[in-house]
Structure formats: C-alpha cells, structure tokens
C-alpha cells in the first residue's frame, strides 16, 4: 500500500459515480483489454493493482493486466489449477514486478450471451477471501463488478485515468 496516494486528476468518468466504490482503471489496461482479438473463445486474465481507503472511500487502482488463456473455455469450463496461477505469477514478475492481483477480466465476442452465474462461480473460486474486481468487456461496453463475501455487485461507474 502506498502512503499518501493522491486520486488521479486526469480522468474520464464512465457511467455514474458509484456510492460504494471508486474504481480507477489506467488507460493502458482499458486499451489492452479492448484491443484483444477474440478467436474461438473469450480472452481472460488478471487485473493488477491495489485497493486503498482514501478520504473515506474504498478506491481501487487497476494499473496492469496479464492475459491468462487457460482460465476460460468455449464450454464455459473453469480451470483454476496451480499451472494457471504459476503462469500468471511468472508473467507478473516479468512485466509487472511487485504488483498484486486485484481481480480478473473477460473480453467476450459481441454476440455471446454471458451467464452471470458462471461468472460468479469463477469469481468465488478464484477469490474466496475478500474483495476483488471483475471487468467484462463486450462490444463497446465495459461493466465492472466488485465482490466480497456477499458475492458480486455491479458498480454503476468507474474512471479511466491517464498517467
């Protein structure tokens, strides 16, 4: 956790301000996920960053992402074995040393209908202890959920920040 972190000033608001969470996603992460090419299956990976309480608000700062192809299959099969975590950690150590996983993302083809129950199952399996984020990018729409002990709840808006 960084001391005396300041909220980003150069931001673009997406949606409405959420009453519980302030989520800041670095432009690099947003661009990386949006530009992923969908072939046969969705693209998935882990979001990297941290959560802090600033000025009484729970703030998430997502400043990196690593692709994890083995996490999701067209049959909506969930694979979270040790090899997935090991590969993700290797990629993080190489590209984002010192960062922590703060959630995961899914980029799906535009025409696919996502099963939210399956997304919740994946989230509970991946992050059984505490708050983490889920970002779903489909067509030109990005939705964010925050989850803790009580499951996932959709966040009404988030911020893209530039550094």
C-alpha atoms as a PDB file:
ATOM      1  CA  UNK A   1       0.000   0.000   0.000  1.00  0.00           C
ATOM      2  CA  UNK A   2       1.356   3.405  -0.936  1.00  0.00           C
ATOM      3  CA  UNK A   3       1.381   6.184   1.618  1.00  0.00           C
ATOM      4  CA  UNK A   4      -0.451   9.441   0.932  1.00  0.00           C
ATOM      5  CA  UNK A   5      -1.657   8.375  -2.501  1.00  0.00           C
ATOM      6  CA  UNK A   6      -3.492  11.103  -4.339  1.00  0.00           C
ATOM      7  CA  UNK A   7      -6.516  10.484  -6.519  1.00  0.00           C
ATOM      8  CA  UNK A   8      -5.705  10.790 -10.233  1.00  0.00           C
ATOM      9  CA  UNK A   9      -6.548  14.184 -11.702  1.00  0.00           C
ATOM     10  CA  UNK A  10      -6.546  13.295 -15.392  1.00  0.00           C
ATOM     11  CA  UNK A  11      -9.647  11.053 -15.539  1.00  0.00           C
ATOM     12  CA  UNK A  12     -12.608  10.207 -17.736  1.00  0.00           C
ATOM     13  CA  UNK A  13     -15.770   9.070 -15.959  1.00  0.00           C
ATOM     14  CA  UNK A  14     -17.575   6.025 -17.363  1.00  0.00           C
ATOM     15  CA  UNK A  15     -21.167   5.722 -16.125  1.00  0.00           C
ATOM     16  CA  UNK A  16     -22.435   7.191 -12.868  1.00  0.00           C
ATOM     17  CA  UNK A  17     -20.408   7.689  -9.696  1.00  0.00           C
ATOM     18  CA  UNK A  18     -20.841   4.609  -7.541  1.00  0.00           C
ATOM     19  CA  UNK A  19     -21.879   5.116  -3.920  1.00  0.00           C
ATOM     20  CA  UNK A  20     -19.645   2.338  -2.526  1.00  0.00           C
ATOM     21  CA  UNK A  21     -16.569   2.117  -4.751  1.00  0.00           C
ATOM     22  CA  UNK A  22     -14.299   4.443  -6.672  1.00  0.00           C
ATOM     23  CA  UNK A  23     -12.585   2.373  -9.337  1.00  0.00           C
ATOM     24  CA  UNK A  24      -9.712   3.835 -11.342  1.00  0.00           C
ATOM     25  CA  UNK A  25      -8.533   1.844 -14.361  1.00  0.00           C
ATOM     26  CA  UNK A  26      -5.388   3.048 -16.094  1.00  0.00           C
ATOM     27  CA  UNK A  27      -5.913   3.847 -19.772  1.00  0.00           C
ATOM     28  CA  UNK A  28      -3.225   1.287 -20.666  1.00  0.00           C
ATOM     29  CA  UNK A  29      -5.299  -1.516 -19.098  1.00  0.00           C
ATOM     30  CA  UNK A  30      -8.516  -0.408 -20.794  1.00  0.00           C
ATOM     31  CA  UNK A  31      -6.775  -0.200 -24.184  1.00  0.00           C
ATOM     32  CA  UNK A  32      -5.021  -3.566 -23.711  1.00  0.00           C
ATOM     33  CA  UNK A  33      -8.300  -5.372 -22.980  1.00  0.00           C
ATOM     34  CA  UNK A  34     -10.315  -3.646 -25.704  1.00  0.00           C
ATOM     35  CA  UNK A  35      -7.718  -4.492 -28.376  1.00  0.00           C
ATOM     36  CA  UNK A  36      -7.632  -8.217 -27.602  1.00  0.00           C
ATOM     37  CA  UNK A  37      -8.710 -10.214 -30.631  1.00  0.00           C
ATOM     38  CA  UNK A  38     -11.404 -12.819 -29.986  1.00  0.00           C
ATOM     39  CA  UNK A  39     -10.913 -16.061 -31.893  1.00  0.00           C
ATOM     40  CA  UNK A  40     -12.844 -19.103 -30.699  1.00  0.00           C
ATOM     41  CA  UNK A  41     -13.075 -18.359 -27.015  1.00  0.00           C
ATOM     42  CA  UNK A  42     -13.200 -15.337 -24.785  1.00  0.00           C
ATOM     43  CA  UNK A  43      -9.988 -13.748 -23.573  1.00  0.00           C
ATOM     44  CA  UNK A  44      -9.370 -13.702 -19.848  1.00  0.00           C
ATOM     45  CA  UNK A  45      -6.716 -12.552 -17.477  1.00  0.00           C
ATOM     46  CA  UNK A  46      -5.956 -10.994 -14.150  1.00  0.00           C
ATOM     47  CA  UNK A  47      -6.220  -7.334 -13.202  1.00  0.00           C
ATOM     48  CA  UNK A  48      -3.284  -5.960 -11.241  1.00  0.00           C
ATOM     49  CA  UNK A  49      -3.413  -3.171  -8.719  1.00  0.00           C
ATOM     50  CA  UNK A  50      -4.492  -2.378  -5.207  1.00  0.00           C
ATOM     51  CA  UNK A  51      -7.327  -1.219  -3.001  1.00  0.00           C
ATOM     52  CA  UNK A  52      -6.989   1.706  -0.602  1.00  0.00           C
ATOM     53  CA  UNK A  53      -9.296   3.794   1.529  1.00  0.00           C
ATOM     54  CA  UNK A  54      -8.836   7.459   0.605  1.00  0.00           C
ATOM     55  CA  UNK A  55     -10.921  10.275   2.045  1.00  0.00           C
ATOM     56  CA  UNK A  56     -13.300   7.635   3.469  1.00  0.00           C
ATOM     57  CA  UNK A  57     -13.925   5.981   0.080  1.00  0.00           C
ATOM     58  CA  UNK A  58     -12.893   2.477  -0.984  1.00  0.00           C
ATOM     59  CA  UNK A  59     -10.729   3.108  -4.042  1.00  0.00           C
ATOM     60  CA  UNK A  60      -9.407   0.526  -6.494  1.00  0.00           C
ATOM     61  CA  UNK A  61      -6.444   1.375  -8.691  1.00  0.00           C
ATOM     62  CA  UNK A  62      -6.010  -1.047 -11.617  1.00  0.00           C
ATOM     63  CA  UNK A  63      -2.700  -0.353 -13.308  1.00  0.00           C
ATOM     64  CA  UNK A  64      -1.817  -3.605 -15.065  1.00  0.00           C
ATOM     65  CA  UNK A  65      -3.238  -6.752 -16.634  1.00  0.00           C
ATOM     66  CA  UNK A  66      -1.899 -10.157 -17.673  1.00  0.00           C
ATOM     67  CA  UNK A  67      -3.555 -12.454 -20.182  1.00  0.00           C
ATOM     68  CA  UNK A  68      -4.396 -15.971 -18.957  1.00  0.00           C
ATOM     69  CA  UNK A  69      -5.708 -18.052 -21.850  1.00  0.00           C
ATOM     70  CA  UNK A  70      -6.195 -21.200 -19.791  1.00  0.00           C
ATOM     71  CA  UNK A  71      -8.835 -19.718 -17.484  1.00  0.00           C
ATOM     72  CA  UNK A  72     -11.896 -19.910 -19.752  1.00  0.00           C
ATOM     73  CA  UNK A  73     -13.070 -22.261 -22.482  1.00  0.00           C
ATOM     74  CA  UNK A  74     -15.888 -22.087 -25.015  1.00  0.00           C
ATOM     75  CA  UNK A  75     -17.692 -24.689 -22.938  1.00  0.00           C
ATOM     76  CA  UNK A  76     -17.584 -22.174 -20.063  1.00  0.00           C
ATOM     77  CA  UNK A  77     -15.281 -24.507 -18.232  1.00  0.00           C
ATOM     78  CA  UNK A  78     -13.393 -23.046 -15.301  1.00  0.00           C
ATOM     79  CA  UNK A  79      -9.741 -24.038 -14.909  1.00  0.00           C
ATOM     80  CA  UNK A  80      -8.016 -22.537 -11.923  1.00  0.00           C
ATOM     81  CA  UNK A  81      -5.374 -25.143 -11.226  1.00  0.00           C
ATOM     82  CA  UNK A  82      -1.862 -24.457  -9.971  1.00  0.00           C
ATOM     83  CA  UNK A  83      -0.481 -24.113 -13.507  1.00  0.00           C
ATOM     84  CA  UNK A  84      -2.768 -21.112 -14.185  1.00  0.00           C
ATOM     85  CA  UNK A  85      -1.625 -19.308 -11.033  1.00  0.00           C
ATOM     86  CA  UNK A  86       2.037 -20.191 -11.687  1.00  0.00           C
ATOM     87  CA  UNK A  87       1.932 -18.888 -15.279  1.00  0.00           C
ATOM     88  CA  UNK A  88       0.173 -15.693 -14.175  1.00  0.00           C
ATOM     89  CA  UNK A  89       2.772 -15.114 -11.453  1.00  0.00           C
ATOM     90  CA  UNK A  90       5.619 -15.641 -13.948  1.00  0.00           C
ATOM     91  CA  UNK A  91       4.059 -13.099 -16.337  1.00  0.00           C
ATOM     92  CA  UNK A  92       3.504 -10.634 -13.493  1.00  0.00           C
ATOM     93  CA  UNK A  93       7.088 -10.991 -12.267  1.00  0.00           C
ATOM     94  CA  UNK A  94       8.392 -10.376 -15.798  1.00  0.00           C
ATOM     95  CA  UNK A  95       6.150  -7.457 -16.790  1.00  0.00           C
ATOM     96  CA  UNK A  96       4.761  -6.002 -13.554  1.00  0.00           C
ATOM     97  CA  UNK A  97       7.160  -6.737 -10.686  1.00  0.00           C
ATOM     98  CA  UNK A  98       5.752  -6.088  -7.241  1.00  0.00           C
ATOM     99  CA  UNK A  99       2.126  -5.783  -8.352  1.00  0.00           C
ATOM    100  CA  UNK A 100      -0.722  -7.843  -6.904  1.00  0.00           C
ATOM    101  CA  UNK A 101      -3.764  -9.475  -8.460  1.00  0.00           C
ATOM    102  CA  UNK A 102      -6.864  -7.438  -7.632  1.00  0.00           C
ATOM    103  CA  UNK A 103      -9.385  -9.208  -9.866  1.00  0.00           C
ATOM    104  CA  UNK A 104      -9.882 -10.604 -13.334  1.00  0.00           C
ATOM    105  CA  UNK A 105     -11.263  -9.621 -16.713  1.00  0.00           C
ATOM    106  CA  UNK A 106     -13.220 -11.261 -19.501  1.00  0.00           C
ATOM    107  CA  UNK A 107     -13.426  -9.993 -23.060  1.00  0.00           C
ATOM    108  CA  UNK A 108     -16.161 -11.799 -24.937  1.00  0.00           C
ATOM    109  CA  UNK A 109     -17.319 -11.718 -28.535  1.00  0.00           C
ATOM    110  CA  UNK A 110     -20.065  -9.202 -29.179  1.00  0.00           C
ATOM    111  CA  UNK A 111     -22.774 -11.743 -29.929  1.00  0.00           C
ATOM    112  CA  UNK A 112     -22.167 -14.005 -26.933  1.00  0.00           C
ATOM    113  CA  UNK A 113     -24.677 -14.027 -24.083  1.00  0.00           C
ATOM    114  CA  UNK A 114     -22.798 -14.309 -20.812  1.00  0.00           C
ATOM    115  CA  UNK A 115     -24.093 -16.419 -17.959  1.00  0.00           C
ATOM    116  CA  UNK A 116     -23.665 -14.295 -14.850  1.00  0.00           C
ATOM    117  CA  UNK A 117     -23.989 -17.339 -12.559  1.00  0.00           C
ATOM    118  CA  UNK A 118     -20.938 -18.888 -14.208  1.00  0.00           C
ATOM    119  CA  UNK A 119     -19.025 -15.632 -13.826  1.00  0.00           C
ATOM    120  CA  UNK A 120     -19.903 -15.589 -10.122  1.00  0.00           C
ATOM    121  CA  UNK A 121     -18.767 -19.216  -9.780  1.00  0.00           C
ATOM    122  CA  UNK A 122     -15.405 -18.388 -11.370  1.00  0.00           C
ATOM    123  CA  UNK A 123     -15.044 -15.340  -9.156  1.00  0.00           C
ATOM    124  CA  UNK A 124     -15.806 -17.256  -5.952  1.00  0.00           C
ATOM    125  CA  UNK A 125     -13.361 -19.992  -6.914  1.00  0.00           C
ATOM    126  CA  UNK A 126     -10.588 -17.551  -7.838  1.00  0.00           C
ATOM    127  CA  UNK A 127     -11.080 -15.132  -4.946  1.00  0.00           C
ATOM    128  CA  UNK A 128     -12.690 -16.845  -1.949  1.00  0.00           C
ATOM    129  CA  UNK A 129     -11.141 -14.434   0.571  1.00  0.00           C
ATOM    130  CA  UNK A 130     -12.149 -10.825   0.247  1.00  0.00           C
ATOM    131  CA  UNK A 131     -12.845  -8.057  -2.191  1.00  0.00           C
ATOM    132  CA  UNK A 132     -11.773  -8.252  -5.828  1.00  0.00           C
ATOM    133  CA  UNK A 133     -12.946  -6.906  -9.167  1.00  0.00           C
ATOM    134  CA  UNK A 134     -14.448  -8.420 -12.310  1.00  0.00           C
ATOM    135  CA  UNK A 135     -14.317  -6.415 -15.535  1.00  0.00           C
ATOM    136  CA  UNK A 136     -16.347  -7.630 -18.532  1.00  0.00           C
ATOM    137  CA  UNK A 137     -15.718  -6.035 -21.911  1.00  0.00           C
ATOM    138  CA  UNK A 138     -18.182  -6.810 -24.685  1.00  0.00           C
ATOM    139  CA  UNK A 139     -18.603  -4.733 -27.863  1.00  0.00           C
ATOM    140  CA  UNK A 140     -18.174  -1.099 -26.840  1.00  0.00           C
ATOM    141  CA  UNK A 141     -19.434  -1.679 -23.320  1.00  0.00           C
ATOM    142  CA  UNK A 142     -17.408  -2.333 -20.191  1.00  0.00           C
ATOM    143  CA  UNK A 143     -19.049  -3.366 -16.938  1.00  0.00           C
ATOM    144  CA  UNK A 144     -17.355  -3.698 -13.580  1.00  0.00           C
ATOM    145  CA  UNK A 145     -18.366  -5.737 -10.546  1.00  0.00           C
ATOM    146  CA  UNK A 146     -16.858  -5.662  -7.089  1.00  0.00           C
ATOM    147  CA  UNK A 147     -17.080  -8.762  -4.970  1.00  0.00           C
ATOM    148  CA  UNK A 148     -16.527  -9.777  -1.434  1.00  0.00           C
ATOM    149  CA  UNK A 149     -18.037 -12.219   0.992  1.00  0.00           C
ATOM    150  CA  UNK A 150     -21.565 -11.428  -0.260  1.00  0.00           C
ATOM    151  CA  UNK A 151     -20.820 -12.110  -3.943  1.00  0.00           C
ATOM    152  CA  UNK A 152     -20.510  -9.744  -6.872  1.00  0.00           C
ATOM    153  CA  UNK A 153     -22.391  -6.479  -7.198  1.00  0.00           C
ATOM    154  CA  UNK A 154     -22.312  -4.330 -10.304  1.00  0.00           C
ATOM    155  CA  UNK A 155     -20.617  -0.970  -9.951  1.00  0.00           C
ATOM    156  CA  UNK A 156     -22.563   1.892 -11.534  1.00  0.00           C
ATOM    157  CA  UNK A 157     -19.469   3.614 -12.895  1.00  0.00           C
ATOM    158  CA  UNK A 158     -15.692   3.820 -12.909  1.00  0.00           C
ATOM    159  CA  UNK A 159     -12.908   6.115 -14.035  1.00  0.00           C
ATOM    160  CA  UNK A 160     -10.275   5.735 -16.738  1.00  0.00           C
ATOM    161  CA  UNK A 161      -7.136   7.544 -15.640  1.00  0.00           C
ATOM    162  CA  UNK A 162      -4.069   8.665 -17.561  1.00  0.00           C
ATOM    163  CA  UNK A 163      -0.518   8.825 -16.254  1.00  0.00           C
END
